[in-house]
Amino acid sequence: MELPLSEQEARVLSELLEDALPDLREEVYKTESYELREQLKQREAIVRSLLERLRQRLQQPAAGA
């Protein structure tokens, strides 16, 4: 699946993910259920991966610049 984003959309998405990450980490820490904790850890890894990809894209020079 591809989701084309403008630079502004990518920045907003990046900010939202960055804001969500501390809450997700806290939820992982406080969760007693092993199964749920593992699911949350997987979600955290996905959020980190998305953030890294967004940061790389935002650091690239704009096409045609």
PDB file of N, CA and C in Angstrom:
ATOM      1  N   MET A   1       0.841  -1.170   0.000  1.00  0.00           N
ATOM      2  CA  MET A   1       0.000   0.000   0.000  1.00  0.00           C
ATOM      3  C   MET A   1       0.891   1.240   0.000  1.00  0.00           C
ATOM      4  N   GLU A   2       0.512   2.209  -0.762  1.00  0.00           N
ATOM      5  CA  GLU A   2       1.229   3.487  -0.771  1.00  0.00           C
ATOM      6  C   GLU A   2       0.281   4.596  -0.360  1.00  0.00           C
ATOM      7  N   LEU A   3       0.822   5.554   0.360  1.00  0.00           N
ATOM      8  CA  LEU A   3       0.048   6.692   0.822  1.00  0.00           C
ATOM      9  C   LEU A   3       0.851   7.955   0.528  1.00  0.00           C
ATOM     10  N   PRO A   4       0.603   8.562  -0.625  1.00  0.00           N
ATOM     11  CA  PRO A   4       1.347   9.784  -0.954  1.00  0.00           C
ATOM     12  C   PRO A   4       1.008  10.901   0.043  1.00  0.00           C
ATOM     13  N   LEU A   5       2.040  11.582   0.529  1.00  0.00           N
ATOM     14  CA  LEU A   5       1.866  12.671   1.487  1.00  0.00           C
ATOM     15  C   LEU A   5       2.601  13.910   1.004  1.00  0.00           C
ATOM     16  N   SER A   6       1.971  15.054   1.209  1.00  0.00           N
ATOM     17  CA  SER A   6       2.680  16.303   0.970  1.00  0.00           C
ATOM     18  C   SER A   6       3.697  16.470   2.092  1.00  0.00           C
ATOM     19  N   GLU A   7       4.617  17.399   1.928  1.00  0.00           N
ATOM     20  CA  GLU A   7       5.608  17.633   2.975  1.00  0.00           C
ATOM     21  C   GLU A   7       4.931  18.050   4.276  1.00  0.00           C
ATOM     22  N   GLN A   8       3.929  18.896   4.171  1.00  0.00           N
ATOM     23  CA  GLN A   8       3.216  19.355   5.365  1.00  0.00           C
ATOM     24  C   GLN A   8       2.498  18.179   6.049  1.00  0.00           C
ATOM     25  N   GLU A   9       1.874  17.315   5.272  1.00  0.00           N
ATOM     26  CA  GLU A   9       1.203  16.149   5.835  1.00  0.00           C
ATOM     27  C   GLU A   9       2.201  15.223   6.519  1.00  0.00           C
ATOM     28  N   ALA A  10       3.362  15.037   5.907  1.00  0.00           N
ATOM     29  CA  ALA A  10       4.395  14.183   6.494  1.00  0.00           C
ATOM     30  C   ALA A  10       4.899  14.772   7.806  1.00  0.00           C
ATOM     31  N   ARG A  11       5.049  16.089   7.864  1.00  0.00           N
ATOM     32  CA  ARG A  11       5.491  16.734   9.100  1.00  0.00           C
ATOM     33  C   ARG A  11       4.456  16.573  10.217  1.00  0.00           C
ATOM     34  N   VAL A  12       3.183  16.768   9.879  1.00  0.00           N
ATOM     35  CA  VAL A  12       2.121  16.627  10.876  1.00  0.00           C
ATOM     36  C   VAL A  12       2.048  15.182  11.369  1.00  0.00           C
ATOM     37  N   LEU A  13       2.125  14.236  10.462  1.00  0.00           N
ATOM     38  CA  LEU A  13       2.095  12.827  10.841  1.00  0.00           C
ATOM     39  C   LEU A  13       3.282  12.491  11.743  1.00  0.00           C
ATOM     40  N   SER A  14       4.436  13.002  11.404  1.00  0.00           N
ATOM     41  CA  SER A  14       5.625  12.779  12.215  1.00  0.00           C
ATOM     42  C   SER A  14       5.427  13.343  13.623  1.00  0.00           C
ATOM     43  N   GLU A  15       4.894  14.533  13.721  1.00  0.00           N
ATOM     44  CA  GLU A  15       4.645  15.162  15.024  1.00  0.00           C
ATOM     45  C   GLU A  15       3.647  14.346  15.843  1.00  0.00           C
ATOM     46  N   LEU A  16       2.593  13.862  15.193  1.00  0.00           N
ATOM     47  CA  LEU A  16       1.590  13.057  15.894  1.00  0.00           C
ATOM     48  C   LEU A  16       2.195  11.759  16.431  1.00  0.00           C
ATOM     49  N   LEU A  17       3.008  11.113  15.614  1.00  0.00           N
ATOM     50  CA  LEU A  17       3.646   9.878  16.046  1.00  0.00           C
ATOM     51  C   LEU A  17       4.630  10.134  17.186  1.00  0.00           C
ATOM     52  N   GLU A  18       5.382  11.218  17.096  1.00  0.00           N
ATOM     53  CA  GLU A  18       6.318  11.571  18.169  1.00  0.00           C
ATOM     54  C   GLU A  18       5.572  11.842  19.469  1.00  0.00           C
ATOM     55  N   ASP A  19       4.419  12.499  19.374  1.00  0.00           N
ATOM     56  CA  ASP A  19       3.621  12.788  20.567  1.00  0.00           C
ATOM     57  C   ASP A  19       3.035  11.514  21.175  1.00  0.00           C
ATOM     58  N   ALA A  20       2.709  10.535  20.341  1.00  0.00           N
ATOM     59  CA  ALA A  20       2.088   9.299  20.814  1.00  0.00           C
ATOM     60  C   ALA A  20       3.100   8.335  21.439  1.00  0.00           C
ATOM     61  N   LEU A  21       4.350   8.429  21.042  1.00  0.00           N
ATOM     62  CA  LEU A  21       5.357   7.454  21.474  1.00  0.00           C
ATOM     63  C   LEU A  21       5.542   7.387  22.999  1.00  0.00           C
ATOM     64  N   PRO A  22       5.650   8.489  23.712  1.00  0.00           N
ATOM     65  CA  PRO A  22       5.820   8.380  25.179  1.00  0.00           C
ATOM     66  C   PRO A  22       4.635   7.681  25.858  1.00  0.00           C
ATOM     67  N   ASP A  23       3.420   7.962  25.410  1.00  0.00           N
ATOM     68  CA  ASP A  23       2.245   7.308  25.986  1.00  0.00           C
ATOM     69  C   ASP A  23       2.267   5.811  25.708  1.00  0.00           C
ATOM     70  N   LEU A  24       2.702   5.453  24.522  1.00  0.00           N
ATOM     71  CA  LEU A  24       2.789   4.043  24.159  1.00  0.00           C
ATOM     72  C   LEU A  24       3.836   3.334  25.017  1.00  0.00           C
ATOM     73  N   ARG A  25       4.966   3.959  25.221  1.00  0.00           N
ATOM     74  CA  ARG A  25       6.009   3.387  26.081  1.00  0.00           C
ATOM     75  C   ARG A  25       5.488   3.169  27.497  1.00  0.00           C
ATOM     76  N   GLU A  26       4.764   4.156  28.012  1.00  0.00           N
ATOM     77  CA  GLU A  26       4.204   4.043  29.360  1.00  0.00           C
ATOM     78  C   GLU A  26       3.189   2.904  29.431  1.00  0.00           C
ATOM     79  N   GLU A  27       2.376   2.781  28.409  1.00  0.00           N
ATOM     80  CA  GLU A  27       1.391   1.708  28.367  1.00  0.00           C
ATOM     81  C   GLU A  27       2.075   0.337  28.362  1.00  0.00           C
ATOM     82  N   VAL A  28       3.165   0.214  27.605  1.00  0.00           N
ATOM     83  CA  VAL A  28       3.923  -1.039  27.586  1.00  0.00           C
ATOM     84  C   VAL A  28       4.431  -1.340  28.992  1.00  0.00           C
ATOM     85  N   TYR A  29       4.984  -0.350  29.645  1.00  0.00           N
ATOM     86  CA  TYR A  29       5.562  -0.520  30.979  1.00  0.00           C
ATOM     87  C   TYR A  29       4.516  -0.945  32.006  1.00  0.00           C
ATOM     88  N   LYS A  30       3.308  -0.365  31.913  1.00  0.00           N
ATOM     89  CA  LYS A  30       2.279  -0.602  32.922  1.00  0.00           C
ATOM     90  C   LYS A  30       1.416  -1.840  32.655  1.00  0.00           C
ATOM     91  N   THR A  31       1.485  -2.381  31.461  1.00  0.00           N
ATOM     92  CA  THR A  31       0.625  -3.508  31.104  1.00  0.00           C
ATOM     93  C   THR A  31       1.106  -4.784  31.775  1.00  0.00           C
ATOM     94  N   GLU A  32       0.192  -5.456  32.435  1.00  0.00           N
ATOM     95  CA  GLU A  32       0.534  -6.691  33.144  1.00  0.00           C
ATOM     96  C   GLU A  32       0.404  -7.919  32.249  1.00  0.00           C
ATOM     97  N   SER A  33      -0.485  -7.872  31.280  1.00  0.00           N
ATOM     98  CA  SER A  33      -0.701  -9.013  30.389  1.00  0.00           C
ATOM     99  C   SER A  33       0.473  -9.153  29.419  1.00  0.00           C
ATOM    100  N   TYR A  34       1.107 -10.310  29.450  1.00  0.00           N
ATOM    101  CA  TYR A  34       2.254 -10.555  28.568  1.00  0.00           C
ATOM    102  C   TYR A  34       1.860 -10.402  27.105  1.00  0.00           C
ATOM    103  N   GLU A  35       0.728 -10.988  26.735  1.00  0.00           N
ATOM    104  CA  GLU A  35       0.291 -10.952  25.335  1.00  0.00           C
ATOM    105  C   GLU A  35       0.041  -9.515  24.873  1.00  0.00           C
ATOM    106  N   LEU A  36      -0.659  -8.748  25.683  1.00  0.00           N
ATOM    107  CA  LEU A  36      -0.932  -7.353  25.329  1.00  0.00           C
ATOM    108  C   LEU A  36       0.362  -6.545  25.293  1.00  0.00           C
ATOM    109  N   ARG A  37       1.270  -6.802  26.255  1.00  0.00           N
ATOM    110  CA  ARG A  37       2.550  -6.086  26.275  1.00  0.00           C
ATOM    111  C   ARG A  37       3.327  -6.337  24.987  1.00  0.00           C
ATOM    112  N   GLU A  38       3.333  -7.582  24.525  1.00  0.00           N
ATOM    113  CA  GLU A  38       4.038  -7.910  23.286  1.00  0.00           C
ATOM    114  C   GLU A  38       3.396  -7.212  22.089  1.00  0.00           C
ATOM    115  N   GLN A  39       2.078  -7.132  22.068  1.00  0.00           N
ATOM    116  CA  GLN A  39       1.391  -6.418  20.987  1.00  0.00           C
ATOM    117  C   GLN A  39       1.748  -4.933  21.014  1.00  0.00           C
ATOM    118  N   LEU A  40       1.812  -4.365  22.205  1.00  0.00           N
ATOM    119  CA  LEU A  40       2.168  -2.947  22.338  1.00  0.00           C
ATOM    120  C   LEU A  40       3.619  -2.697  21.940  1.00  0.00           C
ATOM    121  N   LYS A  41       4.505  -3.630  22.278  1.00  0.00           N
ATOM    122  CA  LYS A  41       5.904  -3.499  21.861  1.00  0.00           C
ATOM    123  C   LYS A  41       6.018  -3.534  20.348  1.00  0.00           C
ATOM    124  N   GLN A  42       5.223  -4.393  19.723  1.00  0.00           N
ATOM    125  CA  GLN A  42       5.226  -4.459  18.261  1.00  0.00           C
ATOM    126  C   GLN A  42       4.719  -3.141  17.676  1.00  0.00           C
ATOM    127  N   ARG A  43       3.678  -2.596  18.266  1.00  0.00           N
ATOM    128  CA  ARG A  43       3.147  -1.309  17.805  1.00  0.00           C
ATOM    129  C   ARG A  43       4.187  -0.208  17.979  1.00  0.00           C
ATOM    130  N   GLU A  44       4.905  -0.219  19.102  1.00  0.00           N
ATOM    131  CA  GLU A  44       5.952   0.769  19.333  1.00  0.00           C
ATOM    132  C   GLU A  44       7.033   0.659  18.260  1.00  0.00           C
ATOM    133  N   ALA A  45       7.410  -0.558  17.912  1.00  0.00           N
ATOM    134  CA  ALA A  45       8.427  -0.759  16.874  1.00  0.00           C
ATOM    135  C   ALA A  45       7.938  -0.219  15.531  1.00  0.00           C
ATOM    136  N   ILE A  46       6.670  -0.408  15.237  1.00  0.00           N
ATOM    137  CA  ILE A  46       6.105   0.104  13.978  1.00  0.00           C
ATOM    138  C   ILE A  46       6.118   1.626  13.980  1.00  0.00           C
ATOM    139  N   VAL A  47       5.729   2.229  15.097  1.00  0.00           N
ATOM    140  CA  VAL A  47       5.727   3.696  15.194  1.00  0.00           C
ATOM    141  C   VAL A  47       7.141   4.235  15.016  1.00  0.00           C
ATOM    142  N   ARG A  48       8.121   3.603  15.654  1.00  0.00           N
ATOM    143  CA  ARG A  48       9.516   4.032  15.503  1.00  0.00           C
ATOM    144  C   ARG A  48       9.981   3.913  14.042  1.00  0.00           C
ATOM    145  N   SER A  49       9.605   2.832  13.398  1.00  0.00           N
ATOM    146  CA  SER A  49       9.974   2.624  11.994  1.00  0.00           C
ATOM    147  C   SER A  49       9.341   3.689  11.097  1.00  0.00           C
ATOM    148  N   LEU A  50       8.074   3.965  11.332  1.00  0.00           N
ATOM    149  CA  LEU A  50       7.394   5.007  10.553  1.00  0.00           C
ATOM    150  C   LEU A  50       8.053   6.365  10.765  1.00  0.00           C
ATOM    151  N   LEU A  51       8.383   6.673  12.009  1.00  0.00           N
ATOM    152  CA  LEU A  51       9.045   7.948  12.301  1.00  0.00           C
ATOM    153  C   LEU A  51      10.380   8.061  11.576  1.00  0.00           C
ATOM    154  N   GLU A  52      11.149   7.001  11.586  1.00  0.00           N
ATOM    155  CA  GLU A  52      12.444   7.016  10.908  1.00  0.00           C
ATOM    156  C   GLU A  52      12.263   7.244   9.408  1.00  0.00           C
ATOM    157  N   ARG A  53      11.313   6.565   8.823  1.00  0.00           N
ATOM    158  CA  ARG A  53      11.074   6.721   7.381  1.00  0.00           C
ATOM    159  C   ARG A  53      10.587   8.126   7.057  1.00  0.00           C
ATOM    160  N   LEU A  54       9.728   8.679   7.895  1.00  0.00           N
ATOM    161  CA  LEU A  54       9.248  10.043   7.677  1.00  0.00           C
ATOM    162  C   LEU A  54      10.398  11.044   7.810  1.00  0.00           C
ATOM    163  N   ARG A  55      11.246  10.858   8.808  1.00  0.00           N
ATOM    164  CA  ARG A  55      12.384  11.765   8.997  1.00  0.00           C
ATOM    165  C   ARG A  55      13.319  11.726   7.798  1.00  0.00           C
ATOM    166  N   GLN A  56      13.572  10.533   7.294  1.00  0.00           N
ATOM    167  CA  GLN A  56      14.435  10.408   6.113  1.00  0.00           C
ATOM    168  C   GLN A  56      13.820  11.129   4.928  1.00  0.00           C
ATOM    169  N   ARG A  57      12.527  10.960   4.746  1.00  0.00           N
ATOM    170  CA  ARG A  57      11.849  11.617   3.618  1.00  0.00           C
ATOM    171  C   ARG A  57      11.888  13.133   3.774  1.00  0.00           C
ATOM    172  N   LEU A  58      11.698  13.621   4.978  1.00  0.00           N
ATOM    173  CA  LEU A  58      11.667  15.064   5.207  1.00  0.00           C
ATOM    174  C   LEU A  58      13.048  15.695   5.080  1.00  0.00           C
ATOM    175  N   GLN A  59      14.104  14.901   5.221  1.00  0.00           N
ATOM    176  CA  GLN A  59      15.469  15.421   5.087  1.00  0.00           C
ATOM    177  C   GLN A  59      15.925  15.470   3.627  1.00  0.00           C
ATOM    178  N   GLN A  60      15.219  14.767   2.746  1.00  0.00           N
ATOM    179  CA  GLN A  60      15.589  14.764   1.345  1.00  0.00           C
ATOM    180  C   GLN A  60      15.209  16.090   0.705  1.00  0.00           C
ATOM    181  N   PRO A  61      16.025  16.574  -0.222  1.00  0.00           N
ATOM    182  CA  PRO A  61      15.680  17.812  -0.930  1.00  0.00           C
ATOM    183  C   PRO A  61      14.394  17.601  -1.738  1.00  0.00           C
ATOM    184  N   ALA A  62      13.590  18.642  -1.809  1.00  0.00           N
ATOM    185  CA  ALA A  62      12.335  18.570  -2.562  1.00  0.00           C
ATOM    186  C   ALA A  62      12.635  18.348  -4.051  1.00  0.00           C
ATOM    187  N   ALA A  63      11.808  17.565  -4.694  1.00  0.00           N
ATOM    188  CA  ALA A  63      11.972  17.313  -6.131  1.00  0.00           C
ATOM    189  C   ALA A  63      11.819  18.624  -6.903  1.00  0.00           C
ATOM    190  N   GLY A  64      12.720  18.858  -7.821  1.00  0.00           N
ATOM    191  CA  GLY A  64      12.654  20.055  -8.643  1.00  0.00           C
ATOM    192  C   GLY A  64      13.221  21.291  -7.967  1.00  0.00           C
ATOM    193  N   ALA A  65      13.840  21.115  -6.802  1.00  0.00           N
ATOM    194  CA  ALA A  65      14.386  22.286  -6.081  1.00  0.00           C
ATOM    195  C   ALA A  65      15.790  22.592  -6.550  1.00  0.00           C
TER     196      ALA A  65
END
